[in-house]
């Protein structure tokens, strides 16, 4: 129904920067939740940053001051700008979208979908 495609991961040195992108296959009528999660090896998936339908943002303490989440509704794309990366940021990063779309007959479809994941590795 809705697919998310991620890009922008890679390997960088500590202090470096990356910008992750997550593009939805279609526009969304109502966004209920939108954000970035990460999962490091051997650890549970954790929320890194989220953004509301109105543009309000929240960050994990570990990301605050270094990461910036944003969304371009015209491009159906979510971004995560990551600066001053640290080795502990190493993880697979996943974008998430919860929302509602409507069929041609006007029926609502409530969905939750995830990107495929993109690897971020920070090491010297």
N, C-alpha and C. Protein backbone atom coordinates (compact mmCIF):
# COMPACT_ATOMS: atom_id res chain seq x y z
N UNK A 1 0.83 -1.20 0.00
CA UNK A 1 0.00 0.00 0.00
C UNK A 1 0.87 1.25 0.00
N UNK A 2 1.80 1.33 0.94
CA UNK A 2 2.77 2.41 1.02
C UNK A 2 4.14 1.80 1.27
N UNK A 3 5.10 2.17 0.45
CA UNK A 3 6.46 1.69 0.61
C UNK A 3 7.38 2.86 0.92
N UNK A 4 8.38 2.59 1.76
CA UNK A 4 9.38 3.58 2.13
C UNK A 4 10.74 3.09 1.66
N UNK A 5 11.47 3.94 0.96
CA UNK A 5 12.79 3.61 0.46
C UNK A 5 13.81 4.54 1.09
N UNK A 6 14.80 3.96 1.76
CA UNK A 6 15.81 4.72 2.45
C UNK A 6 17.10 4.80 1.65
N UNK A 7 17.85 5.86 1.90
CA UNK A 7 19.16 6.02 1.30
C UNK A 7 20.00 6.95 2.18
N UNK A 8 21.30 6.98 1.93
CA UNK A 8 22.17 7.92 2.59
C UNK A 8 23.09 7.35 3.65
N UNK A 9 22.94 6.09 3.98
CA UNK A 9 23.83 5.48 4.95
C UNK A 9 25.23 5.30 4.39
N UNK A 10 26.15 4.96 5.28
CA UNK A 10 27.51 4.74 4.86
C UNK A 10 28.45 4.66 6.04
N UNK A 11 29.73 4.68 5.75
CA UNK A 11 30.77 4.63 6.76
C UNK A 11 31.49 5.97 6.84
N UNK A 12 31.60 6.50 8.05
CA UNK A 12 32.26 7.78 8.27
C UNK A 12 33.14 7.70 9.50
N UNK A 13 34.04 8.65 9.62
CA UNK A 13 34.88 8.77 10.80
C UNK A 13 34.15 9.54 11.90
N UNK A 14 34.54 9.35 13.14
CA UNK A 14 33.94 10.16 14.21
C UNK A 14 34.04 11.64 13.90
N UNK A 15 32.96 12.36 14.17
CA UNK A 15 32.90 13.77 13.86
C UNK A 15 32.34 14.07 12.49
N UNK A 16 32.17 13.07 11.68
CA UNK A 16 31.63 13.25 10.35
C UNK A 16 30.13 13.40 10.34
N UNK A 17 29.58 13.58 9.14
CA UNK A 17 28.15 13.81 8.97
C UNK A 17 27.57 12.92 7.89
N UNK A 18 26.30 12.61 8.04
CA UNK A 18 25.53 11.90 7.04
C UNK A 18 24.13 12.47 7.00
N UNK A 19 23.49 12.36 5.86
CA UNK A 19 22.09 12.75 5.72
C UNK A 19 21.30 11.58 5.17
N UNK A 20 20.38 11.07 5.96
CA UNK A 20 19.54 9.97 5.55
C UNK A 20 18.25 10.50 4.93
N UNK A 21 17.77 9.78 3.93
CA UNK A 21 16.52 10.13 3.28
C UNK A 21 15.58 8.94 3.29
N UNK A 22 14.29 9.21 3.34
CA UNK A 22 13.27 8.17 3.33
C UNK A 22 12.11 8.69 2.50
N UNK A 23 11.87 8.07 1.36
CA UNK A 23 10.86 8.55 0.43
C UNK A 23 9.70 7.57 0.34
N UNK A 24 8.50 8.07 0.53
CA UNK A 24 7.30 7.27 0.44
C UNK A 24 6.83 7.15 -1.01
N UNK A 25 6.19 6.04 -1.31
CA UNK A 25 5.76 5.78 -2.68
C UNK A 25 4.56 6.61 -3.11
N UNK A 26 3.93 7.27 -2.17
CA UNK A 26 2.78 8.09 -2.48
C UNK A 26 2.58 9.10 -1.37
N UNK A 27 1.74 10.07 -1.63
CA UNK A 27 1.40 11.04 -0.60
C UNK A 27 0.48 10.39 0.44
N UNK A 28 0.48 10.96 1.63
CA UNK A 28 -0.28 10.41 2.75
C UNK A 28 -1.35 11.42 3.16
N UNK A 29 -2.58 10.94 3.28
CA UNK A 29 -3.67 11.84 3.65
C UNK A 29 -3.54 12.35 5.08
N UNK A 30 -3.17 11.45 5.99
CA UNK A 30 -3.00 11.82 7.39
C UNK A 30 -1.80 11.09 7.96
N UNK A 31 -0.89 11.84 8.54
CA UNK A 31 0.29 11.27 9.19
C UNK A 31 0.03 11.21 10.69
N UNK A 32 0.11 10.02 11.23
CA UNK A 32 -0.09 9.83 12.67
C UNK A 32 1.24 9.73 13.42
N UNK A 33 2.25 9.21 12.76
CA UNK A 33 3.57 9.11 13.37
C UNK A 33 4.61 9.03 12.26
N UNK A 34 5.75 9.67 12.47
CA UNK A 34 6.77 9.72 11.44
C UNK A 34 8.11 9.94 12.14
N UNK A 35 9.06 9.05 11.89
CA UNK A 35 10.33 9.23 12.56
C UNK A 35 11.39 8.24 12.15
N UNK A 36 12.51 8.33 12.83
CA UNK A 36 13.67 7.47 12.60
C UNK A 36 13.97 6.64 13.84
N UNK A 37 14.20 5.38 13.61
CA UNK A 37 14.64 4.45 14.64
C UNK A 37 16.01 3.90 14.25
N UNK A 38 16.70 3.34 15.22
CA UNK A 38 17.94 2.64 14.92
C UNK A 38 18.05 1.40 15.78
N UNK A 39 18.78 0.44 15.26
CA UNK A 39 19.00 -0.80 15.98
C UNK A 39 20.47 -1.18 15.84
N UNK A 40 21.18 -1.11 16.94
CA UNK A 40 22.57 -1.54 16.97
C UNK A 40 22.62 -3.04 17.19
N UNK A 41 23.72 -3.65 16.81
CA UNK A 41 23.88 -5.08 16.94
C UNK A 41 23.72 -5.51 18.40
N UNK A 42 22.83 -6.46 18.62
CA UNK A 42 22.61 -6.97 19.95
C UNK A 42 21.72 -6.13 20.83
N UNK A 43 21.14 -5.06 20.29
CA UNK A 43 20.30 -4.18 21.07
C UNK A 43 18.91 -4.05 20.44
N UNK A 44 17.98 -3.57 21.23
CA UNK A 44 16.63 -3.35 20.74
C UNK A 44 16.56 -2.09 19.89
N UNK A 45 15.57 -2.07 19.02
CA UNK A 45 15.35 -0.89 18.20
C UNK A 45 14.89 0.27 19.09
N UNK A 46 15.44 1.45 18.86
CA UNK A 46 15.11 2.61 19.66
C UNK A 46 14.75 3.80 18.78
N UNK A 47 13.89 4.64 19.30
CA UNK A 47 13.50 5.85 18.59
C UNK A 47 14.60 6.89 18.70
N UNK A 48 14.99 7.44 17.57
CA UNK A 48 16.02 8.47 17.53
C UNK A 48 15.41 9.85 17.44
N UNK A 49 14.45 10.02 16.54
CA UNK A 49 13.82 11.31 16.33
C UNK A 49 12.46 11.12 15.71
N UNK A 50 11.54 11.99 16.02
CA UNK A 50 10.20 11.94 15.44
C UNK A 50 9.75 13.34 15.06
N UNK A 51 8.79 13.39 14.15
CA UNK A 51 8.25 14.66 13.71
C UNK A 51 6.75 14.50 13.53
N UNK A 52 5.98 15.45 14.02
CA UNK A 52 4.54 15.39 13.94
C UNK A 52 4.05 15.89 12.59
N UNK A 53 2.76 15.71 12.36
CA UNK A 53 2.18 16.20 11.12
C UNK A 53 2.32 17.70 10.97
N UNK A 54 2.36 18.40 12.10
CA UNK A 54 2.51 19.84 12.08
C UNK A 54 3.94 20.33 12.09
N UNK A 55 4.90 19.42 12.15
CA UNK A 55 6.30 19.79 12.09
C UNK A 55 7.02 19.85 13.42
N UNK A 56 6.33 19.55 14.52
CA UNK A 56 7.00 19.50 15.80
C UNK A 56 7.95 18.32 15.88
N UNK A 57 9.06 18.48 16.59
CA UNK A 57 10.08 17.45 16.63
C UNK A 57 10.42 17.02 18.04
N UNK A 58 10.87 15.78 18.17
CA UNK A 58 11.37 15.24 19.42
C UNK A 58 12.59 14.40 19.13
N UNK A 59 13.54 14.39 20.07
CA UNK A 59 14.78 13.67 19.89
C UNK A 59 15.13 12.86 21.12
N UNK A 60 15.76 11.72 20.88
CA UNK A 60 16.38 11.01 21.98
C UNK A 60 17.50 11.86 22.55
N UNK A 61 17.77 11.68 23.84
CA UNK A 61 18.82 12.46 24.47
C UNK A 61 20.16 12.31 23.75
N UNK A 62 20.42 11.12 23.26
CA UNK A 62 21.68 10.86 22.59
C UNK A 62 21.82 11.60 21.26
N UNK A 63 20.69 12.00 20.69
CA UNK A 63 20.69 12.66 19.39
C UNK A 63 20.53 14.17 19.47
N UNK A 64 20.00 14.64 20.56
CA UNK A 64 19.70 16.06 20.69
C UNK A 64 20.96 16.91 20.55
N UNK A 65 20.86 17.93 19.73
CA UNK A 65 21.98 18.81 19.49
C UNK A 65 22.88 18.39 18.35
N UNK A 66 22.75 17.15 17.90
CA UNK A 66 23.58 16.64 16.82
C UNK A 66 22.76 16.24 15.59
N UNK A 67 21.54 15.76 15.81
CA UNK A 67 20.69 15.28 14.72
C UNK A 67 19.54 16.25 14.50
N UNK A 68 19.08 16.33 13.25
CA UNK A 68 17.93 17.15 12.91
C UNK A 68 17.01 16.36 11.99
N UNK A 69 15.77 16.21 12.40
CA UNK A 69 14.78 15.54 11.57
C UNK A 69 13.95 16.59 10.84
N UNK A 70 13.62 16.32 9.59
CA UNK A 70 12.80 17.24 8.81
C UNK A 70 12.02 16.45 7.78
N UNK A 71 11.03 17.09 7.19
CA UNK A 71 10.20 16.43 6.19
C UNK A 71 9.84 17.42 5.10
N UNK A 72 9.88 16.95 3.87
CA UNK A 72 9.45 17.72 2.72
C UNK A 72 8.19 17.05 2.19
N UNK A 73 7.04 17.59 2.53
CA UNK A 73 5.79 16.97 2.15
C UNK A 73 5.60 16.93 0.63
N UNK A 74 6.09 17.93 -0.07
CA UNK A 74 5.95 17.97 -1.52
C UNK A 74 6.70 16.83 -2.18
N UNK A 75 7.77 16.37 -1.55
CA UNK A 75 8.57 15.28 -2.09
C UNK A 75 8.29 13.95 -1.41
N UNK A 76 7.36 13.93 -0.47
CA UNK A 76 7.04 12.72 0.29
C UNK A 76 8.29 12.12 0.94
N UNK A 77 9.15 12.98 1.45
CA UNK A 77 10.46 12.53 1.91
C UNK A 77 10.76 13.02 3.32
N UNK A 78 11.27 12.11 4.12
CA UNK A 78 11.72 12.38 5.47
C UNK A 78 13.25 12.36 5.48
N UNK A 79 13.84 13.25 6.26
CA UNK A 79 15.29 13.35 6.34
C UNK A 79 15.78 13.25 7.78
N UNK A 80 17.00 12.79 7.92
CA UNK A 80 17.69 12.86 9.19
C UNK A 80 19.12 13.34 8.93
N UNK A 81 19.40 14.57 9.32
CA UNK A 81 20.74 15.11 9.22
C UNK A 81 21.48 14.75 10.50
N UNK A 82 22.59 14.06 10.36
CA UNK A 82 23.37 13.60 11.50
C UNK A 82 24.75 14.24 11.44
N UNK A 83 25.06 15.04 12.45
CA UNK A 83 26.35 15.71 12.54
C UNK A 83 27.11 15.23 13.77
N UNK A 84 28.41 15.44 13.75
CA UNK A 84 29.27 15.04 14.85
C UNK A 84 29.00 13.59 15.26
N UNK A 85 29.04 12.72 14.29
CA UNK A 85 28.73 11.32 14.55
C UNK A 85 29.76 10.67 15.47
N UNK A 86 29.26 9.76 16.28
CA UNK A 86 30.07 9.05 17.26
C UNK A 86 30.00 7.55 16.99
N UNK A 87 30.99 6.80 17.44
CA UNK A 87 30.93 5.35 17.24
C UNK A 87 29.65 4.71 17.76
N UNK A 88 29.11 5.22 18.84
CA UNK A 88 27.89 4.67 19.40
C UNK A 88 26.66 4.93 18.54
N UNK A 89 26.79 5.74 17.49
CA UNK A 89 25.71 5.94 16.54
C UNK A 89 25.64 4.81 15.52
N UNK A 90 26.62 3.94 15.51
CA UNK A 90 26.64 2.83 14.57
C UNK A 90 25.42 1.94 14.77
N UNK A 91 24.66 1.75 13.71
CA UNK A 91 23.42 0.98 13.77
C UNK A 91 22.80 0.94 12.38
N UNK A 92 21.78 0.11 12.26
CA UNK A 92 20.91 0.18 11.09
C UNK A 92 19.79 1.15 11.42
N UNK A 93 19.58 2.10 10.54
CA UNK A 93 18.57 3.13 10.75
C UNK A 93 17.35 2.84 9.89
N UNK A 94 16.17 2.94 10.52
CA UNK A 94 14.91 2.66 9.86
C UNK A 94 13.98 3.86 9.97
N UNK A 95 13.34 4.22 8.89
CA UNK A 95 12.29 5.22 8.97
C UNK A 95 10.95 4.54 9.17
N UNK A 96 10.05 5.25 9.82
CA UNK A 96 8.73 4.73 10.14
C UNK A 96 7.66 5.74 9.74
N UNK A 97 6.54 5.22 9.29
CA UNK A 97 5.40 6.07 8.96
C UNK A 97 4.12 5.35 9.34
N UNK A 98 3.33 5.99 10.19
CA UNK A 98 1.97 5.56 10.51
C UNK A 98 1.03 6.61 9.96
N UNK A 99 0.00 6.17 9.26
CA UNK A 99 -0.91 7.16 8.71
C UNK A 99 -2.14 6.55 8.08
N UNK A 100 -2.81 7.37 7.30
CA UNK A 100 -4.05 6.98 6.65
C UNK A 100 -4.01 7.42 5.19
N UNK A 101 -4.41 6.54 4.32
CA UNK A 101 -4.66 6.88 2.93
C UNK A 101 -6.09 6.48 2.59
N UNK A 102 -6.59 6.97 1.47
CA UNK A 102 -7.95 6.67 1.07
C UNK A 102 -7.98 6.01 -0.30
N UNK A 103 -8.87 5.04 -0.44
CA UNK A 103 -9.07 4.38 -1.71
C UNK A 103 -9.87 5.29 -2.64
N UNK A 104 -9.98 4.86 -3.90
CA UNK A 104 -10.76 5.63 -4.86
C UNK A 104 -12.23 5.72 -4.48
N UNK A 105 -12.69 4.76 -3.70
CA UNK A 105 -14.08 4.77 -3.25
C UNK A 105 -14.27 5.52 -1.95
N UNK A 106 -13.21 6.08 -1.42
CA UNK A 106 -13.29 6.88 -0.22
C UNK A 106 -13.13 6.13 1.08
N UNK A 107 -12.72 4.89 1.01
CA UNK A 107 -12.52 4.11 2.22
C UNK A 107 -11.13 4.36 2.80
N UNK A 108 -11.06 4.61 4.10
CA UNK A 108 -9.75 4.85 4.71
C UNK A 108 -8.98 3.55 4.94
N UNK A 109 -7.69 3.64 4.77
CA UNK A 109 -6.79 2.53 5.07
C UNK A 109 -5.76 3.04 6.07
N UNK A 110 -5.77 2.46 7.25
CA UNK A 110 -4.81 2.80 8.29
C UNK A 110 -3.62 1.85 8.17
N UNK A 111 -2.42 2.40 8.17
CA UNK A 111 -1.25 1.57 7.93
C UNK A 111 -0.08 1.97 8.81
N UNK A 112 0.84 1.05 8.93
CA UNK A 112 2.15 1.29 9.53
C UNK A 112 3.18 0.62 8.63
N UNK A 113 4.20 1.36 8.26
CA UNK A 113 5.20 0.80 7.37
C UNK A 113 6.58 1.29 7.76
N UNK A 114 7.59 0.52 7.35
CA UNK A 114 8.98 0.78 7.68
C UNK A 114 9.83 0.78 6.42
N UNK A 115 10.89 1.56 6.46
CA UNK A 115 11.88 1.48 5.41
C UNK A 115 12.69 0.20 5.53
N UNK A 116 13.50 -0.07 4.53
CA UNK A 116 14.25 -1.32 4.50
C UNK A 116 15.46 -1.31 5.41
N UNK A 117 15.84 -0.16 5.90
CA UNK A 117 17.00 -0.02 6.75
C UNK A 117 18.23 0.39 5.97
N UNK A 118 19.03 1.26 6.57
CA UNK A 118 20.29 1.66 5.97
C UNK A 118 21.37 1.67 7.05
N UNK A 119 22.51 1.10 6.73
CA UNK A 119 23.59 0.94 7.70
C UNK A 119 24.38 2.23 7.85
N UNK A 120 24.58 2.63 9.09
CA UNK A 120 25.48 3.73 9.43
C UNK A 120 26.59 3.17 10.30
N UNK A 121 27.82 3.36 9.87
CA UNK A 121 28.97 2.88 10.61
C UNK A 121 29.92 4.03 10.87
N UNK A 122 30.23 4.26 12.13
CA UNK A 122 31.11 5.35 12.54
C UNK A 122 32.33 4.73 13.22
N UNK A 123 33.47 4.84 12.59
CA UNK A 123 34.69 4.25 13.14
C UNK A 123 35.91 4.96 12.55
N UNK A 124 37.00 4.85 13.26
CA UNK A 124 38.25 5.45 12.80
C UNK A 124 39.20 4.41 12.25
